[in-house]
């Protein structure tokens, strides 16, 4: 391949997308690889939107899990909806 780093990053994103409940470790792998692709990311128009939405989802996912497991005030659908939104974010 012409760009092996891009291919490895794309494969890590795809693997994380098809997992039913991805963990933080799955996201940190490709987020670390994305930082190496600064030349390609500089041409991205929606960089600020994607960065802010990922930060919002990074805060919401643990809080929904905490409400579901520890506080027992929410059910699994709240956490599942966050993982669906995260999957949608990854496709953008």
C-alpha atoms as a PDB file:
ATOM      1  CA  UNK A   1       0.000   0.000   0.000  1.00  0.00           C
ATOM      2  CA  UNK A   2       1.013   3.571  -0.624  1.00  0.00           C
ATOM      3  CA  UNK A   3       0.106   4.823   2.869  1.00  0.00           C
ATOM      4  CA  UNK A   4       0.488   2.014   5.431  1.00  0.00           C
ATOM      5  CA  UNK A   5      -0.078   4.260   8.465  1.00  0.00           C
ATOM      6  CA  UNK A   6      -3.414   5.411   7.054  1.00  0.00           C
ATOM      7  CA  UNK A   7      -4.432   1.810   6.372  1.00  0.00           C
ATOM      8  CA  UNK A   8      -3.555   0.708   9.907  1.00  0.00           C
ATOM      9  CA  UNK A   9      -5.526   3.629  11.343  1.00  0.00           C
ATOM     10  CA  UNK A  10      -8.520   2.845   9.129  1.00  0.00           C
ATOM     11  CA  UNK A  11      -8.420  -0.814  10.181  1.00  0.00           C
ATOM     12  CA  UNK A  12      -8.277   0.142  13.865  1.00  0.00           C
ATOM     13  CA  UNK A  13     -11.313   2.413  13.409  1.00  0.00           C
ATOM     14  CA  UNK A  14     -13.254  -0.305  11.585  1.00  0.00           C
ATOM     15  CA  UNK A  15     -12.441  -2.890  14.247  1.00  0.00           C
ATOM     16  CA  UNK A  16     -13.609  -0.484  16.942  1.00  0.00           C
ATOM     17  CA  UNK A  17     -16.791   0.286  14.985  1.00  0.00           C
ATOM     18  CA  UNK A  18     -17.958  -3.324  14.715  1.00  0.00           C
ATOM     19  CA  UNK A  19     -17.564  -4.080  18.408  1.00  0.00           C
ATOM     20  CA  UNK A  20     -20.910  -4.042  20.234  1.00  0.00           C
ATOM     21  CA  UNK A  21     -19.550  -2.304  23.362  1.00  0.00           C
ATOM     22  CA  UNK A  22     -16.178  -0.709  22.600  1.00  0.00           C
ATOM     23  CA  UNK A  23     -13.963   0.163  25.532  1.00  0.00           C
ATOM     24  CA  UNK A  24     -11.802   3.200  26.088  1.00  0.00           C
ATOM     25  CA  UNK A  25      -8.732   1.181  25.113  1.00  0.00           C
ATOM     26  CA  UNK A  26     -10.209   0.552  21.662  1.00  0.00           C
ATOM     27  CA  UNK A  27     -10.624   4.267  21.069  1.00  0.00           C
ATOM     28  CA  UNK A  28      -7.215   5.258  22.406  1.00  0.00           C
ATOM     29  CA  UNK A  29      -5.493   2.997  19.881  1.00  0.00           C
ATOM     30  CA  UNK A  30      -6.810   4.765  16.825  1.00  0.00           C
ATOM     31  CA  UNK A  31      -6.836   8.196  18.468  1.00  0.00           C
ATOM     32  CA  UNK A  32      -3.094   7.835  19.035  1.00  0.00           C
ATOM     33  CA  UNK A  33      -2.635   6.840  15.399  1.00  0.00           C
ATOM     34  CA  UNK A  34      -4.780   9.731  14.143  1.00  0.00           C
ATOM     35  CA  UNK A  35      -2.385  12.235  15.699  1.00  0.00           C
ATOM     36  CA  UNK A  36       0.315  10.953  13.340  1.00  0.00           C
ATOM     37  CA  UNK A  37      -1.825  11.870  10.317  1.00  0.00           C
ATOM     38  CA  UNK A  38      -1.666  15.644  10.786  1.00  0.00           C
ATOM     39  CA  UNK A  39      -1.120  16.427   7.109  1.00  0.00           C
ATOM     40  CA  UNK A  40      -4.332  14.654   6.092  1.00  0.00           C
ATOM     41  CA  UNK A  41      -6.281  16.044   9.056  1.00  0.00           C
ATOM     42  CA  UNK A  42      -5.360  19.633   8.235  1.00  0.00           C
ATOM     43  CA  UNK A  43      -7.633  19.401   5.159  1.00  0.00           C
ATOM     44  CA  UNK A  44     -10.582  18.193   7.226  1.00  0.00           C
ATOM     45  CA  UNK A  45     -13.338  20.818   7.389  1.00  0.00           C
ATOM     46  CA  UNK A  46     -15.258  19.430  10.352  1.00  0.00           C
ATOM     47  CA  UNK A  47     -12.303  18.896  12.672  1.00  0.00           C
ATOM     48  CA  UNK A  48     -13.581  21.091  15.478  1.00  0.00           C
ATOM     49  CA  UNK A  49     -17.037  19.513  15.397  1.00  0.00           C
ATOM     50  CA  UNK A  50     -15.622  15.985  15.465  1.00  0.00           C
ATOM     51  CA  UNK A  51     -13.212  16.793  18.284  1.00  0.00           C
ATOM     52  CA  UNK A  52     -15.902  18.396  20.439  1.00  0.00           C
ATOM     53  CA  UNK A  53     -18.404  15.622  19.811  1.00  0.00           C
ATOM     54  CA  UNK A  54     -15.831  12.989  20.740  1.00  0.00           C
ATOM     55  CA  UNK A  55     -15.076  14.825  23.981  1.00  0.00           C
ATOM     56  CA  UNK A  56     -18.798  14.988  24.760  1.00  0.00           C
ATOM     57  CA  UNK A  57     -19.214  11.273  24.101  1.00  0.00           C
ATOM     58  CA  UNK A  58     -16.107  10.510  26.146  1.00  0.00           C
ATOM     59  CA  UNK A  59     -17.797  12.195  29.106  1.00  0.00           C
ATOM     60  CA  UNK A  60     -21.287  10.793  28.513  1.00  0.00           C
ATOM     61  CA  UNK A  61     -20.300   7.140  28.079  1.00  0.00           C
ATOM     62  CA  UNK A  62     -18.761   6.628  31.545  1.00  0.00           C
ATOM     63  CA  UNK A  63     -21.503   8.673  33.214  1.00  0.00           C
ATOM     64  CA  UNK A  64     -24.261   6.590  31.597  1.00  0.00           C
ATOM     65  CA  UNK A  65     -22.467   3.396  32.554  1.00  0.00           C
ATOM     66  CA  UNK A  66     -22.098   4.647  36.131  1.00  0.00           C
ATOM     67  CA  UNK A  67     -25.799   5.472  36.333  1.00  0.00           C
ATOM     68  CA  UNK A  68     -26.706   2.059  34.935  1.00  0.00           C
ATOM     69  CA  UNK A  69     -24.380  -0.114  37.038  1.00  0.00           C
ATOM     70  CA  UNK A  70     -23.717   1.713  40.292  1.00  0.00           C
ATOM     71  CA  UNK A  71     -26.631   4.069  40.894  1.00  0.00           C
ATOM     72  CA  UNK A  72     -29.208   1.828  39.118  1.00  0.00           C
ATOM     73  CA  UNK A  73     -31.242   4.830  38.024  1.00  0.00           C
ATOM     74  CA  UNK A  74     -30.912   4.099  34.302  1.00  0.00           C
ATOM     75  CA  UNK A  75     -31.169   0.977  32.202  1.00  0.00           C
ATOM     76  CA  UNK A  76     -28.863  -0.439  29.573  1.00  0.00           C
ATOM     77  CA  UNK A  77     -30.603   1.442  26.769  1.00  0.00           C
ATOM     78  CA  UNK A  78     -29.003   4.720  27.858  1.00  0.00           C
ATOM     79  CA  UNK A  79     -25.513   3.246  27.593  1.00  0.00           C
ATOM     80  CA  UNK A  80     -26.395   1.455  24.359  1.00  0.00           C
ATOM     81  CA  UNK A  81     -27.596   4.711  22.800  1.00  0.00           C
ATOM     82  CA  UNK A  82     -24.248   6.324  23.587  1.00  0.00           C
ATOM     83  CA  UNK A  83     -22.428   3.457  21.847  1.00  0.00           C
ATOM     84  CA  UNK A  84     -24.710   3.870  18.817  1.00  0.00           C
ATOM     85  CA  UNK A  85     -23.940   7.581  18.682  1.00  0.00           C
ATOM     86  CA  UNK A  86     -20.231   6.769  19.008  1.00  0.00           C
ATOM     87  CA  UNK A  87     -20.522   4.386  16.048  1.00  0.00           C
ATOM     88  CA  UNK A  88     -22.198   7.106  14.024  1.00  0.00           C
ATOM     89  CA  UNK A  89     -19.472   9.544  15.008  1.00  0.00           C
ATOM     90  CA  UNK A  90     -16.809   7.115  13.846  1.00  0.00           C
ATOM     91  CA  UNK A  91     -18.378   6.771  10.398  1.00  0.00           C
ATOM     92  CA  UNK A  92     -18.259  10.545   9.899  1.00  0.00           C
END
